Amino acid sequence: MIRTLAPTVALLLTLAGSAAADTIIITQNAASTGGSGAYSTVLNGGARSWLTAIGAAELNNRLPVGSTITGVSFRLASWQAFASWPAGSATFNNFDIYFGQAARAPGSLDLANANNNWGPDLTLCRSGPAIFGPAYFPGGAVSPNFNPFCTPITLATTYTYHGGDLLIMVRHTGNNGGNGNLDWVSSSFGTTAAQGIAVSSYTQNTTWGGGGNGGSIVMQLTYTPPAATCYPNCDQSTSSPLLTANDFQCFLNKFAASDSAANCDGSTSAPILTANDFQCFLNLYAAGCS
C-alpha cells in the first residue's frame, strides 16, 4: 500500500535560510570528502525515476529509530568543477519524493519490477510542481573538497523511520533548466550498504537500470528525533507502577513478530533478534525508569 497526499501547489524553492534541525549525511564518507562521480538523474531535463536503498549499517547509531524525517537536501558533484545550478530557474511539473522501508536489501534490488523493492509503508511525502531558483544548488568545488548542500526540500508529509533498510525514491517529469549533476560517494560498508537504480520515465516500474552499487547520491536528511522514552516500558503505560508484567508480554509479542523495536542490543548482523535482546531487556527493566 502507498500512502499518498494531495498534490501540492507549485513551490518556489529559494535560498532562504531554514531552522536548525538534526541531520544525517548519506553516505557517512560524504561528510569528509567529495565524490568520484556525477549523477544527473534527480535533476535531469528529461523524465526520470530514481530509487535507492540505504542499508541499516549506514544508519545505525546515526538515525534513531522513531525519528521523523522532515526534509532532504542534495549537493552538486565535485568530481570536476560544476557551476551552481540552475543558471536561471528550473521548473518541474511534477517532482515527487517517497520514503519507506526497503523490501529488498542493498545489492539485491529488483530491476525487472521496481514494485518489489518497496515495503507496505511506502509514503508519497512530496508531490506536484517545484521551481528551483537560480543557484539553488551551489557549485564550484573540486574533490576532495565538496559543495554545500542545498536548502532542505521540505516534505509535506513526514516519514517516521522504523529501523532497517531505508528506501528513498524521486520521480519527476523533467525540467526546463537542463541537467544538474549531483555528488556520489561510496560507503565504507560495501555493496550491502547502499544501492541505487533508475529508469528514464516518470511512471515506469519495469526494466530499470542498475548503477551506484556500494554508494549513494549524497543526501542530507533533516529529522526530529523521537521523544525520550523508557525502553522497558514497552506498553507505553503512564500509571504507576510504570513497569509491569505487561511490558514483558509486550516485548515478547514484538520479538515474535520480528519487530525491529525488539532489537534491544542494537545488533546489525544476522540474526538481528537473539537471546541477547532478552537479556538486554531484562537489564533495562531491572534498572527501572527514572
Protein backbone atom coordinates (compact mmCIF):
# COMPACT_ATOMS: atom_id res chain seq x y z
CA MET A 1 0.00 0.00 0.00
CA ILE A 2 1.25 3.50 -0.83
CA ARG A 3 0.17 6.31 1.47
CA THR A 4 -0.45 9.47 -0.50
CA LEU A 5 -1.19 13.14 -0.02
CA ALA A 6 -2.98 15.66 -2.17
CA PRO A 7 -0.78 17.26 -4.87
CA THR A 8 0.98 20.35 -3.61
CA VAL A 9 0.68 23.73 -5.25
CA ALA A 10 3.71 25.00 -7.15
CA LEU A 11 6.55 25.54 -4.71
CA LEU A 12 9.22 28.15 -5.36
CA LEU A 13 12.41 26.83 -3.80
CA THR A 14 14.78 29.66 -2.91
CA LEU A 15 17.97 30.06 -0.94
CA ALA A 16 16.19 31.35 2.14
CA GLY A 17 17.60 30.10 5.43
CA SER A 18 15.95 27.28 7.37
CA ALA A 19 15.61 26.48 11.04
CA ALA A 20 18.24 24.32 12.67
CA ALA A 21 17.44 20.59 12.79
CA ASP A 22 19.11 17.27 13.41
CA THR A 23 20.72 15.93 10.25
CA ILE A 24 22.32 12.78 8.87
CA ILE A 25 24.56 12.67 5.79
CA ILE A 26 24.36 9.66 3.47
CA THR A 27 26.86 8.15 2.94
CA GLN A 28 28.91 8.72 6.09
CA ASN A 29 32.03 9.18 3.95
CA ALA A 30 30.42 12.18 2.24
CA ALA A 31 30.76 14.21 5.44
CA SER A 32 34.52 14.46 4.87
CA THR A 33 35.15 14.14 1.14
CA GLY A 34 33.78 14.84 -2.29
CA GLY A 35 32.77 12.02 -4.60
CA SER A 36 34.13 10.35 -7.71
CA GLY A 37 31.02 10.54 -9.87
CA ALA A 38 28.30 12.88 -11.11
CA TYR A 39 24.69 11.75 -11.48
CA SER A 40 22.06 13.85 -13.24
CA THR A 41 19.10 11.51 -12.65
CA VAL A 42 17.40 13.51 -9.88
CA LEU A 43 17.83 16.88 -11.63
CA ASN A 44 17.54 15.72 -15.24
CA GLY A 45 15.97 17.68 -18.07
CA GLY A 46 14.01 14.55 -19.04
CA ALA A 47 11.61 12.44 -17.01
CA ARG A 48 13.37 10.12 -14.56
CA SER A 49 12.72 7.83 -11.60
CA TRP A 50 15.49 7.08 -9.12
CA LEU A 51 15.35 4.70 -6.16
CA THR A 52 17.95 3.97 -3.53
CA ALA A 53 18.07 1.54 -0.63
CA ILE A 54 20.25 2.59 2.29
CA GLY A 55 21.37 -0.29 4.48
CA ALA A 56 20.92 -0.30 8.23
CA ALA A 57 24.71 -0.28 8.70
CA GLU A 58 24.82 3.22 7.22
CA LEU A 59 22.05 4.40 9.55
CA ASN A 60 22.67 2.63 12.87
CA ASN A 61 23.56 4.98 15.74
CA ARG A 62 23.03 7.97 13.42
CA LEU A 63 19.30 7.94 12.59
CA PRO A 64 17.42 6.91 15.74
CA VAL A 65 14.51 4.53 15.26
CA GLY A 66 11.32 6.55 15.63
CA SER A 67 12.82 9.69 14.09
CA THR A 68 10.55 11.80 11.90
CA ILE A 69 12.19 12.70 8.57
CA THR A 70 11.10 16.21 7.56
CA GLY A 71 13.29 17.12 4.57
CA VAL A 72 16.06 16.12 2.19
CA SER A 73 18.97 18.05 0.67
CA PHE A 74 21.34 17.24 -2.19
CA ARG A 75 24.66 18.71 -3.28
CA LEU A 76 26.33 19.14 -6.64
CA ALA A 77 29.18 16.85 -7.62
CA SER A 78 32.80 17.92 -7.24
CA TRP A 79 34.28 15.20 -9.47
CA GLN A 80 35.07 18.25 -11.60
CA ALA A 81 34.08 21.88 -11.14
CA PHE A 82 30.37 22.32 -11.87
CA ALA A 83 28.77 25.76 -11.91
CA SER A 84 25.94 26.41 -9.48
CA TRP A 85 22.65 25.00 -10.77
CA PRO A 86 20.34 26.11 -12.26
CA ALA A 87 21.73 29.09 -14.13
CA GLY A 88 18.32 30.75 -14.18
CA SER A 89 15.47 28.71 -12.76
CA ALA A 90 14.29 25.15 -13.30
CA THR A 91 10.62 24.15 -13.27
CA PHE A 92 9.43 20.57 -12.73
CA ASN A 93 5.75 19.99 -13.44
CA ASN A 94 5.95 17.06 -11.02
CA PHE A 95 8.72 16.40 -8.51
CA ASP A 96 7.69 13.57 -6.18
CA ILE A 97 9.62 12.20 -3.19
CA TYR A 98 8.84 8.89 -1.50
CA PHE A 99 10.17 7.34 1.71
CA GLY A 100 9.58 3.86 3.11
CA GLN A 101 11.14 0.65 4.32
CA ALA A 102 13.05 -1.23 1.64
CA ALA A 103 11.60 -4.67 0.92
CA ARG A 104 14.96 -5.77 -0.51
CA ALA A 105 18.41 -5.12 0.87
CA PRO A 106 21.01 -3.04 -1.00
CA GLY A 107 22.80 -5.21 -3.51
CA SER A 108 19.66 -7.23 -4.27
CA LEU A 109 17.21 -4.67 -5.67
CA ASP A 110 14.82 -5.93 -8.34
CA LEU A 111 15.47 -4.25 -11.70
CA ALA A 112 12.72 -6.10 -13.56
CA ASN A 113 9.89 -4.85 -11.32
CA ALA A 114 10.59 -1.88 -9.04
CA ASN A 115 7.39 -2.56 -7.07
CA ASN A 116 9.16 -5.48 -5.43
CA ASN A 117 11.67 -3.13 -3.79
CA TRP A 118 9.34 -1.11 -1.61
CA GLY A 119 7.58 -2.22 1.55
CA PRO A 120 3.95 -1.67 2.59
CA ASP A 121 4.63 1.71 4.23
CA LEU A 122 5.91 3.47 1.07
CA THR A 123 4.79 7.08 1.54
CA LEU A 124 4.45 9.84 -1.02
CA CYS A 125 5.94 12.64 1.06
CA ARG A 126 6.08 15.40 -1.53
CA SER A 127 4.29 15.74 -4.87
CA GLY A 128 3.40 18.26 -7.55
CA PRO A 129 5.30 21.13 -9.19
CA ALA A 130 8.62 22.52 -7.99
CA ILE A 131 10.62 25.53 -9.12
CA PHE A 132 14.29 25.65 -8.12
CA GLY A 133 15.52 29.24 -8.10
CA PRO A 134 18.87 30.37 -9.58
CA ALA A 135 21.91 28.69 -7.97
CA TYR A 136 19.71 26.72 -5.56
CA PHE A 137 22.47 24.10 -5.68
CA PRO A 138 25.85 25.81 -5.04
CA GLY A 139 28.78 24.64 -7.18
CA GLY A 140 32.46 25.26 -7.86
CA ALA A 141 34.20 22.78 -5.54
CA VAL A 142 36.60 20.09 -6.78
CA SER A 143 37.09 16.77 -4.94
CA PRO A 144 38.28 16.02 -2.29
CA ASN A 145 36.53 19.29 -1.43
CA PHE A 146 32.77 19.32 -1.78
CA ASN A 147 29.90 21.71 -2.38
CA PRO A 148 27.40 22.84 0.27
CA PHE A 149 24.04 21.11 0.48
CA CYS A 150 21.04 22.92 -0.95
CA THR A 151 18.42 24.30 1.40
CA PRO A 152 16.28 21.31 2.53
CA ILE A 153 13.38 20.33 0.31
CA THR A 154 10.57 20.13 2.85
CA LEU A 155 8.33 17.07 2.97
CA ALA A 156 4.62 17.90 3.05
CA THR A 157 4.02 14.52 4.68
CA THR A 158 6.78 13.46 7.08
CA TYR A 159 8.04 9.90 7.36
CA THR A 160 8.82 8.02 10.58
CA TYR A 161 11.85 5.72 10.36
CA HIS A 162 11.07 2.31 11.86
CA GLY A 163 14.53 0.80 11.56
CA GLY A 164 16.13 -1.49 8.99
CA ASP A 165 16.88 -0.58 5.38
CA LEU A 166 15.53 2.78 4.23
CA LEU A 167 14.12 3.34 0.74
CA ILE A 168 14.14 6.79 -0.89
CA MET A 169 12.68 7.45 -4.33
CA VAL A 170 12.39 10.55 -6.51
CA ARG A 171 10.14 10.55 -9.59
CA HIS A 172 9.88 13.62 -11.82
CA THR A 173 8.70 14.79 -15.24
CA GLY A 174 11.87 16.65 -16.21
CA ASN A 175 12.64 20.37 -16.08
CA ASN A 176 13.34 23.31 -18.36
CA GLY A 177 16.70 24.23 -16.82
CA GLY A 178 18.87 21.39 -18.13
CA ASN A 179 20.75 18.80 -16.08
CA GLY A 180 22.11 19.27 -12.59
CA ASN A 181 24.93 16.90 -11.62
CA LEU A 182 24.72 15.52 -8.09
CA ASP A 183 27.53 14.05 -5.97
CA TRP A 184 28.03 10.30 -5.45
CA VAL A 185 30.14 8.88 -2.62
CA SER A 186 30.87 5.23 -1.83
CA SER A 187 30.06 3.58 1.51
CA SER A 188 32.59 2.13 3.96
CA PHE A 189 30.20 -0.79 4.46
CA GLY A 190 30.47 -2.16 0.93
CA THR A 191 27.87 -3.26 -1.57
CA THR A 192 25.25 -4.20 1.03
CA ALA A 193 25.20 -0.66 2.47
CA ALA A 194 23.66 1.24 -0.43
CA GLN A 195 22.36 0.67 -3.96
CA GLY A 196 20.66 2.95 -6.45
CA ILE A 197 18.65 2.11 -9.57
CA ALA A 198 16.85 4.31 -12.10
CA VAL A 199 14.72 4.46 -15.25
CA SER A 200 14.16 7.15 -17.89
CA SER A 201 10.46 7.54 -17.10
CA TYR A 202 8.19 9.27 -14.60
CA THR A 203 5.87 6.28 -14.09
CA GLN A 204 7.57 3.14 -15.43
CA ASN A 205 8.07 0.33 -12.91
CA THR A 206 9.68 -2.31 -15.16
CA THR A 207 13.16 -2.78 -16.66
CA TRP A 208 15.06 -0.31 -14.51
CA GLY A 209 18.83 0.06 -14.84
CA GLY A 210 21.47 -0.66 -12.22
CA GLY A 211 24.24 1.60 -11.04
CA GLY A 212 25.61 3.18 -7.90
CA ASN A 213 26.07 -0.11 -6.05
CA GLY A 214 28.05 0.32 -2.82
CA GLY A 215 27.34 4.03 -2.53
CA SER A 216 24.71 6.68 -2.98
CA ILE A 217 23.86 10.02 -4.47
CA VAL A 218 24.80 12.18 -1.49
CA MET A 219 21.88 13.31 0.67
CA GLN A 220 21.39 15.11 3.95
CA LEU A 221 18.20 14.17 5.76
CA THR A 222 16.69 16.54 8.30
CA TYR A 223 14.78 14.84 11.09
CA THR A 224 13.20 15.24 14.50
CA PRO A 225 14.44 12.59 16.96
CA PRO A 226 11.85 10.60 18.90
CA ALA A 227 10.79 11.90 22.28
CA ALA A 228 12.77 10.42 25.15
CA THR A 229 11.16 7.18 26.32
CA CYS A 230 11.92 4.45 28.80
CA TYR A 231 12.70 1.41 26.64
CA PRO A 232 11.46 -1.32 29.04
CA ASN A 233 8.07 0.47 29.28
CA CYS A 234 7.11 -1.44 26.15
CA ASP A 235 3.35 -0.94 26.53
CA GLN A 236 3.84 2.83 26.99
CA SER A 237 1.74 2.85 30.17
CA THR A 238 1.60 6.06 32.21
CA SER A 239 0.13 4.89 35.53
CA SER A 240 2.16 3.64 38.49
CA PRO A 241 3.85 1.22 38.56
CA LEU A 242 5.26 2.06 35.15
CA LEU A 243 6.91 -1.33 34.63
CA THR A 244 4.75 -4.43 34.97
CA ALA A 245 4.36 -7.95 33.57
CA ASN A 246 2.52 -6.36 30.68
CA ASP A 247 5.83 -4.96 29.46
CA PHE A 248 7.33 -8.47 29.32
CA GLN A 249 4.38 -9.65 27.25
CA CYS A 250 4.63 -6.62 25.02
CA PHE A 251 8.32 -7.30 24.38
CA LEU A 252 7.63 -10.99 23.68
CA ASN A 253 4.97 -10.02 21.14
CA LYS A 254 7.35 -7.66 19.35
CA PHE A 255 10.10 -10.30 19.33
CA ALA A 256 7.73 -12.96 17.96
CA ALA A 257 6.62 -10.55 15.22
CA SER A 258 10.28 -9.81 14.28
CA ASP A 259 9.61 -6.15 15.06
CA SER A 260 12.83 -4.11 14.86
CA ALA A 261 11.78 -2.46 18.13
CA ALA A 262 12.75 -5.72 19.87
CA ASN A 263 16.38 -5.29 18.79
CA CYS A 264 17.27 -4.10 22.28
CA ASP A 265 21.04 -4.60 21.90
CA GLY A 266 21.16 -2.69 18.60
CA SER A 267 22.88 -5.55 16.75
CA THR A 268 23.33 -5.33 12.98
CA SER A 269 24.46 -8.86 11.99
CA ALA A 270 22.01 -11.66 11.24
CA PRO A 271 20.08 -12.90 13.08
CA ILE A 272 19.13 -9.45 14.38
CA LEU A 273 16.90 -10.75 17.19
CA THR A 274 18.58 -13.18 19.60
CA ALA A 275 18.65 -14.19 23.25
CA ASN A 276 20.91 -11.19 23.82
CA ASP A 277 17.89 -8.95 23.27
CA PHE A 278 16.04 -10.70 26.09
CA GLN A 279 18.99 -10.17 28.42
CA CYS A 280 19.24 -6.54 27.31
CA PHE A 281 15.54 -6.03 28.08
CA LEU A 282 15.89 -7.69 31.50
CA ASN A 283 18.84 -5.46 32.40
CA LEU A 284 16.96 -2.31 31.43
CA TYR A 285 13.84 -3.48 33.25
CA ALA A 286 15.89 -4.10 36.40
CA ALA A 287 17.39 -0.61 36.15
CA GLY A 288 13.89 0.87 36.06
CA CYS A 289 12.65 4.13 34.60
CA SER A 290 13.79 7.37 36.20
